[in-house]
């Protein structure tokens, strides 16, 4: 084995080790930062507010949106 091959293997091994440590560190941060509430720590029934509905009058709406044609059709002379 040449010196360059040994260096390449060492660099690859170091990069693999650094990547593995990064994955483990991200996993630990994810576990420590998990602030999800516990399923058994529920505060009871859900409180709901009043429901409101509104309608839009139909006479204010246009019947159909039609774009303004500014050019002749393709192929038409």
PDB file of N, CA and C in Angstrom:
ATOM      1  N   UNK A   1       0.830  -1.176   0.000  1.00  0.00           N
ATOM      2  CA  UNK A   1       0.000   0.000   0.000  1.00  0.00           C
ATOM      3  C   UNK A   1       0.873   1.237   0.000  1.00  0.00           C
ATOM      4  N   UNK A   2       0.454   2.205  -0.781  1.00  0.00           N
ATOM      5  CA  UNK A   2       1.235   3.440  -0.829  1.00  0.00           C
ATOM      6  C   UNK A   2       0.782   4.384   0.289  1.00  0.00           C
ATOM      7  N   UNK A   3       1.532   5.434   0.454  1.00  0.00           N
ATOM      8  CA  UNK A   3       1.239   6.411   1.500  1.00  0.00           C
ATOM      9  C   UNK A   3      -0.092   7.106   1.216  1.00  0.00           C
ATOM     10  N   UNK A   4      -0.382   7.391  -0.059  1.00  0.00           N
ATOM     11  CA  UNK A   4      -1.639   8.061  -0.405  1.00  0.00           C
ATOM     12  C   UNK A   4      -2.849   7.182  -0.085  1.00  0.00           C
ATOM     13  N   UNK A   5      -2.726   5.880  -0.295  1.00  0.00           N
ATOM     14  CA  UNK A   5      -3.833   4.974   0.008  1.00  0.00           C
ATOM     15  C   UNK A   5      -4.094   4.909   1.515  1.00  0.00           C
ATOM     16  N   UNK A   6      -3.034   4.935   2.303  1.00  0.00           N
ATOM     17  CA  UNK A   6      -3.173   4.899   3.759  1.00  0.00           C
ATOM     18  C   UNK A   6      -3.844   6.185   4.234  1.00  0.00           C
ATOM     19  N   UNK A   7      -3.433   7.320   3.689  1.00  0.00           N
ATOM     20  CA  UNK A   7      -4.035   8.604   4.074  1.00  0.00           C
ATOM     21  C   UNK A   7      -5.505   8.651   3.682  1.00  0.00           C
ATOM     22  N   UNK A   8      -5.813   8.151   2.494  1.00  0.00           N
ATOM     23  CA  UNK A   8      -7.198   8.146   2.031  1.00  0.00           C
ATOM     24  C   UNK A   8      -8.066   7.306   2.956  1.00  0.00           C
ATOM     25  N   UNK A   9      -7.561   6.145   3.364  1.00  0.00           N
ATOM     26  CA  UNK A   9      -8.331   5.295   4.278  1.00  0.00           C
ATOM     27  C   UNK A   9      -8.519   5.964   5.628  1.00  0.00           C
ATOM     28  N   UNK A  10      -7.487   6.637   6.122  1.00  0.00           N
ATOM     29  CA  UNK A  10      -7.595   7.320   7.411  1.00  0.00           C
ATOM     30  C   UNK A  10      -8.605   8.459   7.336  1.00  0.00           C
ATOM     31  N   UNK A  11      -8.576   9.199   6.236  1.00  0.00           N
ATOM     32  CA  UNK A  11      -9.520  10.310   6.063  1.00  0.00           C
ATOM     33  C   UNK A  11     -10.946   9.771   5.991  1.00  0.00           C
ATOM     34  N   UNK A  12     -11.139   8.681   5.247  1.00  0.00           N
ATOM     35  CA  UNK A  12     -12.474   8.088   5.145  1.00  0.00           C
ATOM     36  C   UNK A  12     -12.953   7.564   6.500  1.00  0.00           C
ATOM     37  N   UNK A  13     -12.056   6.942   7.251  1.00  0.00           N
ATOM     38  CA  UNK A  13     -12.429   6.427   8.568  1.00  0.00           C
ATOM     39  C   UNK A  13     -12.776   7.568   9.518  1.00  0.00           C
ATOM     40  N   UNK A  14     -12.005   8.648   9.463  1.00  0.00           N
ATOM     41  CA  UNK A  14     -12.284   9.799  10.315  1.00  0.00           C
ATOM     42  C   UNK A  14     -13.614  10.444   9.940  1.00  0.00           C
ATOM     43  N   UNK A  15     -13.896  10.535   8.642  1.00  0.00           N
ATOM     44  CA  UNK A  15     -15.158  11.115   8.201  1.00  0.00           C
ATOM     45  C   UNK A  15     -16.331  10.234   8.620  1.00  0.00           C
ATOM     46  N   UNK A  16     -16.175   8.922   8.527  1.00  0.00           N
ATOM     47  CA  UNK A  16     -17.241   8.013   8.943  1.00  0.00           C
ATOM     48  C   UNK A  16     -17.489   8.123  10.447  1.00  0.00           C
ATOM     49  N   UNK A  17     -16.421   8.222  11.217  1.00  0.00           N
ATOM     50  CA  UNK A  17     -16.566   8.352  12.668  1.00  0.00           C
ATOM     51  C   UNK A  17     -17.248   9.677  13.021  1.00  0.00           C
ATOM     52  N   UNK A  18     -16.845  10.756  12.352  1.00  0.00           N
ATOM     53  CA  UNK A  18     -17.464  12.056  12.618  1.00  0.00           C
ATOM     54  C   UNK A  18     -18.947  12.039  12.241  1.00  0.00           C
ATOM     55  N   UNK A  19     -19.283  11.396  11.134  1.00  0.00           N
ATOM     56  CA  UNK A  19     -20.681  11.299  10.729  1.00  0.00           C
ATOM     57  C   UNK A  19     -21.498  10.487  11.711  1.00  0.00           C
ATOM     58  N   UNK A  20     -20.935   9.394  12.192  1.00  0.00           N
ATOM     59  CA  UNK A  20     -21.633   8.579  13.186  1.00  0.00           C
ATOM     60  C   UNK A  20     -21.853   9.324  14.482  1.00  0.00           C
ATOM     61  N   UNK A  21     -20.850  10.059  14.914  1.00  0.00           N
ATOM     62  CA  UNK A  21     -21.006  10.853  16.131  1.00  0.00           C
ATOM     63  C   UNK A  21     -22.052  11.951  15.949  1.00  0.00           C
ATOM     64  N   UNK A  22     -22.110  12.536  14.756  1.00  0.00           N
ATOM     65  CA  UNK A  22     -23.108  13.566  14.491  1.00  0.00           C
ATOM     66  C   UNK A  22     -24.519  12.987  14.553  1.00  0.00           C
ATOM     67  N   UNK A  23     -24.701  11.799  14.014  1.00  0.00           N
ATOM     68  CA  UNK A  23     -26.023  11.151  14.062  1.00  0.00           C
ATOM     69  C   UNK A  23     -26.425  10.868  15.503  1.00  0.00           C
ATOM     70  N   UNK A  24     -25.490  10.364  16.294  1.00  0.00           N
ATOM     71  CA  UNK A  24     -25.779  10.076  17.701  1.00  0.00           C
ATOM     72  C   UNK A  24     -26.104  11.367  18.449  1.00  0.00           C
ATOM     73  N   UNK A  25     -25.350  12.428  18.178  1.00  0.00           N
ATOM     74  CA  UNK A  25     -25.593  13.705  18.856  1.00  0.00           C
ATOM     75  C   UNK A  25     -26.961  14.263  18.486  1.00  0.00           C
ATOM     76  N   UNK A  26     -27.349  14.173  17.210  1.00  0.00           N
ATOM     77  CA  UNK A  26     -28.669  14.667  16.808  1.00  0.00           C
ATOM     78  C   UNK A  26     -29.776  13.848  17.461  1.00  0.00           C
ATOM     79  N   UNK A  27     -29.556  12.561  17.609  1.00  0.00           N
ATOM     80  CA  UNK A  27     -30.539  11.729  18.301  1.00  0.00           C
ATOM     81  C   UNK A  27     -30.699  12.119  19.751  1.00  0.00           C
ATOM     82  N   UNK A  28     -29.594  12.392  20.411  1.00  0.00           N
ATOM     83  CA  UNK A  28     -29.655  12.815  21.814  1.00  0.00           C
ATOM     84  C   UNK A  28     -30.345  14.163  21.960  1.00  0.00           C
ATOM     85  N   UNK A  29     -30.055  15.086  21.069  1.00  0.00           N
ATOM     86  CA  UNK A  29     -30.707  16.397  21.117  1.00  0.00           C
ATOM     87  C   UNK A  29     -32.210  16.235  20.876  1.00  0.00           C
ATOM     88  N   UNK A  30     -32.583  15.359  19.962  1.00  0.00           N
ATOM     89  CA  UNK A  30     -33.998  15.124  19.703  1.00  0.00           C
ATOM     90  C   UNK A  30     -34.720  14.529  20.892  1.00  0.00           C
ATOM     91  N   UNK A  31     -34.076  13.607  21.590  1.00  0.00           N
ATOM     92  CA  UNK A  31     -34.693  12.991  22.765  1.00  0.00           C
ATOM     93  C   UNK A  31     -34.793  13.994  23.901  1.00  0.00           C
ATOM     94  N   UNK A  32     -33.762  14.783  24.101  1.00  0.00           N
ATOM     95  CA  UNK A  32     -33.769  15.758  25.190  1.00  0.00           C
ATOM     96  C   UNK A  32     -34.727  16.904  24.905  1.00  0.00           C
ATOM     97  N   UNK A  33     -34.911  17.248  23.646  1.00  0.00           N
ATOM     98  CA  UNK A  33     -35.772  18.378  23.302  1.00  0.00           C
ATOM     99  C   UNK A  33     -37.214  17.986  23.069  1.00  0.00           C
ATOM    100  N   UNK A  34     -37.577  16.745  23.309  1.00  0.00           N
ATOM    101  CA  UNK A  34     -38.944  16.287  23.084  1.00  0.00           C
ATOM    102  C   UNK A  34     -39.841  16.813  24.197  1.00  0.00           C
ATOM    103  N   UNK A  35     -40.650  17.828  23.899  1.00  0.00           N
ATOM    104  CA  UNK A  35     -41.531  18.419  24.893  1.00  0.00           C
ATOM    105  C   UNK A  35     -42.986  18.043  24.651  1.00  0.00           C
ATOM    106  N   UNK A  36     -43.221  16.918  24.015  1.00  0.00           N
ATOM    107  CA  UNK A  36     -44.591  16.490  23.747  1.00  0.00           C
ATOM    108  C   UNK A  36     -45.279  16.159  25.066  1.00  0.00           C
ATOM    109  N   UNK A  37     -46.539  16.559  25.188  1.00  0.00           N
ATOM    110  CA  UNK A  37     -47.247  16.252  26.438  1.00  0.00           C
ATOM    111  C   UNK A  37     -47.505  14.754  26.561  1.00  0.00           C
ATOM    112  N   UNK A  38     -47.540  14.318  27.766  1.00  0.00           N
ATOM    113  CA  UNK A  38     -47.775  12.905  28.043  1.00  0.00           C
ATOM    114  C   UNK A  38     -49.233  12.574  27.767  1.00  0.00           C
ATOM    115  N   UNK A  39     -49.513  11.387  27.262  1.00  0.00           N
ATOM    116  CA  UNK A  39     -50.880  10.995  26.937  1.00  0.00           C
ATOM    117  C   UNK A  39     -51.751  10.921  28.185  1.00  0.00           C
ATOM    118  N   UNK A  40     -51.167  10.632  29.328  1.00  0.00           N
ATOM    119  CA  UNK A  40     -51.941  10.487  30.561  1.00  0.00           C
ATOM    120  C   UNK A  40     -52.084  11.815  31.301  1.00  0.00           C
ATOM    121  N   UNK A  41     -51.431  12.857  30.845  1.00  0.00           N
ATOM    122  CA  UNK A  41     -51.480  14.149  31.520  1.00  0.00           C
ATOM    123  C   UNK A  41     -52.527  15.053  30.887  1.00  0.00           C
ATOM    124  N   UNK A  42     -53.618  14.480  30.425  1.00  0.00           N
ATOM    125  CA  UNK A  42     -54.675  15.238  29.763  1.00  0.00           C
ATOM    126  C   UNK A  42     -55.422  16.086  30.784  1.00  0.00           C
ATOM    127  N   UNK A  43     -55.874  17.258  30.364  1.00  0.00           N
ATOM    128  CA  UNK A  43     -56.575  18.155  31.273  1.00  0.00           C
ATOM    129  C   UNK A  43     -58.081  17.952  31.228  1.00  0.00           C
ATOM    130  N   UNK A  44     -58.552  16.936  30.559  1.00  0.00           N
ATOM    131  CA  UNK A  44     -59.983  16.672  30.537  1.00  0.00           C
ATOM    132  C   UNK A  44     -60.577  16.937  29.165  1.00  0.00           C
ATOM    133  N   UNK A  45     -61.841  17.325  29.158  1.00  0.00           N
ATOM    134  CA  UNK A  45     -62.563  17.546  27.905  1.00  0.00           C
ATOM    135  C   UNK A  45     -62.061  18.803  27.199  1.00  0.00           C
ATOM    136  N   UNK A  46     -62.254  18.824  25.914  1.00  0.00           N
ATOM    137  CA  UNK A  46     -61.811  19.956  25.119  1.00  0.00           C
ATOM    138  C   UNK A  46     -62.852  21.068  25.201  1.00  0.00           C
ATOM    139  N   UNK A  47     -62.413  22.306  25.359  1.00  0.00           N
ATOM    140  CA  UNK A  47     -63.312  23.443  25.419  1.00  0.00           C
ATOM    141  C   UNK A  47     -63.476  24.029  24.025  1.00  0.00           C
ATOM    142  N   UNK A  48     -64.726  24.176  23.604  1.00  0.00           N
ATOM    143  CA  UNK A  48     -65.010  24.707  22.281  1.00  0.00           C
ATOM    144  C   UNK A  48     -65.733  26.029  22.404  1.00  0.00           C
ATOM    145  N   UNK A  49     -65.447  26.948  21.483  1.00  0.00           N
ATOM    146  CA  UNK A  49     -66.132  28.228  21.456  1.00  0.00           C
ATOM    147  C   UNK A  49     -67.382  28.151  20.596  1.00  0.00           C
ATOM    148  N   UNK A  50     -68.080  29.268  20.503  1.00  0.00           N
ATOM    149  CA  UNK A  50     -69.295  29.331  19.698  1.00  0.00           C
ATOM    150  C   UNK A  50     -68.943  29.265  18.217  1.00  0.00           C
ATOM    151  N   UNK A  51     -69.818  28.637  17.436  1.00  0.00           N
ATOM    152  CA  UNK A  51     -69.614  28.515  16.000  1.00  0.00           C
ATOM    153  C   UNK A  51     -70.401  29.608  15.287  1.00  0.00           C
ATOM    154  N   UNK A  52     -69.755  30.292  14.368  1.00  0.00           N
ATOM    155  CA  UNK A  52     -70.436  31.328  13.600  1.00  0.00           C
ATOM    156  C   UNK A  52     -70.384  30.967  12.129  1.00  0.00           C
ATOM    157  N   UNK A  53     -71.439  31.313  11.417  1.00  0.00           N
ATOM    158  CA  UNK A  53     -71.487  31.090   9.978  1.00  0.00           C
ATOM    159  C   UNK A  53     -71.848  32.400   9.304  1.00  0.00           C
ATOM    160  N   UNK A  54     -71.334  32.586   8.112  1.00  0.00           N
ATOM    161  CA  UNK A  54     -71.677  33.779   7.335  1.00  0.00           C
ATOM    162  C   UNK A  54     -71.817  33.373   5.881  1.00  0.00           C
ATOM    163  N   UNK A  55     -72.667  34.069   5.180  1.00  0.00           N
ATOM    164  CA  UNK A  55     -72.891  33.782   3.769  1.00  0.00           C
ATOM    165  C   UNK A  55     -72.591  35.031   2.955  1.00  0.00           C
ATOM    166  N   UNK A  56     -72.171  34.827   1.726  1.00  0.00           N
ATOM    167  CA  UNK A  56     -71.896  35.926   0.809  1.00  0.00           C
ATOM    168  C   UNK A  56     -73.068  36.036  -0.152  1.00  0.00           C
ATOM    169  N   UNK A  57     -73.608  37.234  -0.328  1.00  0.00           N
ATOM    170  CA  UNK A  57     -74.730  37.367  -1.256  1.00  0.00           C
ATOM    171  C   UNK A  57     -74.301  37.036  -2.682  1.00  0.00           C
ATOM    172  N   UNK A  58     -75.146  36.304  -3.404  1.00  0.00           N
ATOM    173  CA  UNK A  58     -74.836  35.882  -4.754  1.00  0.00           C
ATOM    174  C   UNK A  58     -74.872  36.993  -5.780  1.00  0.00           C
ATOM    175  N   UNK A  59     -75.586  38.075  -5.526  1.00  0.00           N
ATOM    176  CA  UNK A  59     -75.710  39.134  -6.531  1.00  0.00           C
ATOM    177  C   UNK A  59     -74.421  39.932  -6.690  1.00  0.00           C
ATOM    178  N   UNK A  60     -73.530  39.903  -5.702  1.00  0.00           N
ATOM    179  CA  UNK A  60     -72.270  40.635  -5.802  1.00  0.00           C
ATOM    180  C   UNK A  60     -71.216  39.871  -6.602  1.00  0.00           C
ATOM    181  N   UNK A  61     -71.450  38.610  -6.847  1.00  0.00           N
ATOM    182  CA  UNK A  61     -70.478  37.780  -7.537  1.00  0.00           C
ATOM    183  C   UNK A  61     -70.732  37.817  -9.043  1.00  0.00           C
ATOM    184  N   UNK A  62     -69.670  37.866  -9.864  1.00  0.00           N
ATOM    185  CA  UNK A  62     -69.874  37.820 -11.314  1.00  0.00           C
ATOM    186  C   UNK A  62     -70.344  36.430 -11.742  1.00  0.00           C
ATOM    187  N   UNK A  63     -71.134  36.400 -12.820  1.00  0.00           N
ATOM    188  CA  UNK A  63     -71.665  35.130 -13.301  1.00  0.00           C
ATOM    189  C   UNK A  63     -70.546  34.255 -13.844  1.00  0.00           C
ATOM    190  N   UNK A  64     -69.619  34.859 -14.599  1.00  0.00           N
ATOM    191  CA  UNK A  64     -68.529  34.094 -15.183  1.00  0.00           C
ATOM    192  C   UNK A  64     -67.366  35.046 -15.461  1.00  0.00           C
ATOM    193  N   UNK A  65     -66.180  34.650 -15.114  1.00  0.00           N
ATOM    194  CA  UNK A  65     -65.004  35.474 -15.385  1.00  0.00           C
ATOM    195  C   UNK A  65     -64.542  35.193 -16.810  1.00  0.00           C
ATOM    196  N   UNK A  66     -64.515  36.237 -17.636  1.00  0.00           N
ATOM    197  CA  UNK A  66     -64.111  36.092 -19.032  1.00  0.00           C
ATOM    198  C   UNK A  66     -62.916  37.011 -19.272  1.00  0.00           C
ATOM    199  N   UNK A  67     -61.757  36.463 -19.683  1.00  0.00           N
ATOM    200  CA  UNK A  67     -60.603  37.310 -19.944  1.00  0.00           C
ATOM    201  C   UNK A  67     -60.782  38.103 -21.240  1.00  0.00           C
ATOM    202  N   UNK A  68     -60.114  39.242 -21.302  1.00  0.00           N
ATOM    203  CA  UNK A  68     -60.148  40.061 -22.502  1.00  0.00           C
ATOM    204  C   UNK A  68     -59.169  39.474 -23.507  1.00  0.00           C
ATOM    205  N   UNK A  69     -59.627  39.192 -24.713  1.00  0.00           N
ATOM    206  CA  UNK A  69     -58.767  38.635 -25.756  1.00  0.00           C
ATOM    207  C   UNK A  69     -58.077  39.785 -26.466  1.00  0.00           C
ATOM    208  N   UNK A  70     -56.739  39.775 -26.484  1.00  0.00           N
ATOM    209  CA  UNK A  70     -55.977  40.870 -27.096  1.00  0.00           C
ATOM    210  C   UNK A  70     -55.262  40.466 -28.349  1.00  0.00           C
ATOM    211  N   UNK A  71     -55.220  39.203 -28.694  1.00  0.00           N
ATOM    212  CA  UNK A  71     -54.490  38.769 -29.872  1.00  0.00           C
ATOM    213  C   UNK A  71     -55.313  37.723 -30.632  1.00  0.00           C
ATOM    214  N   UNK A  72     -54.987  37.583 -31.918  1.00  0.00           N
ATOM    215  CA  UNK A  72     -55.676  36.585 -32.738  1.00  0.00           C
ATOM    216  C   UNK A  72     -55.168  35.197 -32.340  1.00  0.00           C
ATOM    217  N   UNK A  73     -55.955  34.179 -32.564  1.00  0.00           N
ATOM    218  CA  UNK A  73     -55.560  32.810 -32.272  1.00  0.00           C
ATOM    219  C   UNK A  73     -54.360  32.401 -33.084  1.00  0.00           C
ATOM    220  N   UNK A  74     -53.606  31.455 -32.591  1.00  0.00           N
ATOM    221  CA  UNK A  74     -52.439  30.950 -33.320  1.00  0.00           C
ATOM    222  C   UNK A  74     -52.897  30.286 -34.615  1.00  0.00           C
ATOM    223  N   UNK A  75     -52.301  30.654 -35.706  1.00  0.00           N
ATOM    224  CA  UNK A  75     -52.624  30.079 -37.001  1.00  0.00           C
ATOM    225  C   UNK A  75     -53.712  30.833 -37.744  1.00  0.00           C
ATOM    226  N   UNK A  76     -54.443  31.703 -37.033  1.00  0.00           N
ATOM    227  CA  UNK A  76     -55.491  32.483 -37.715  1.00  0.00           C
ATOM    228  C   UNK A  76     -54.853  33.712 -38.328  1.00  0.00           C
ATOM    229  N   UNK A  77     -55.265  34.017 -39.546  1.00  0.00           N
ATOM    230  CA  UNK A  77     -54.683  35.191 -40.227  1.00  0.00           C
ATOM    231  C   UNK A  77     -55.619  36.350 -40.235  1.00  0.00           C
TER     232      UNK A  77
END
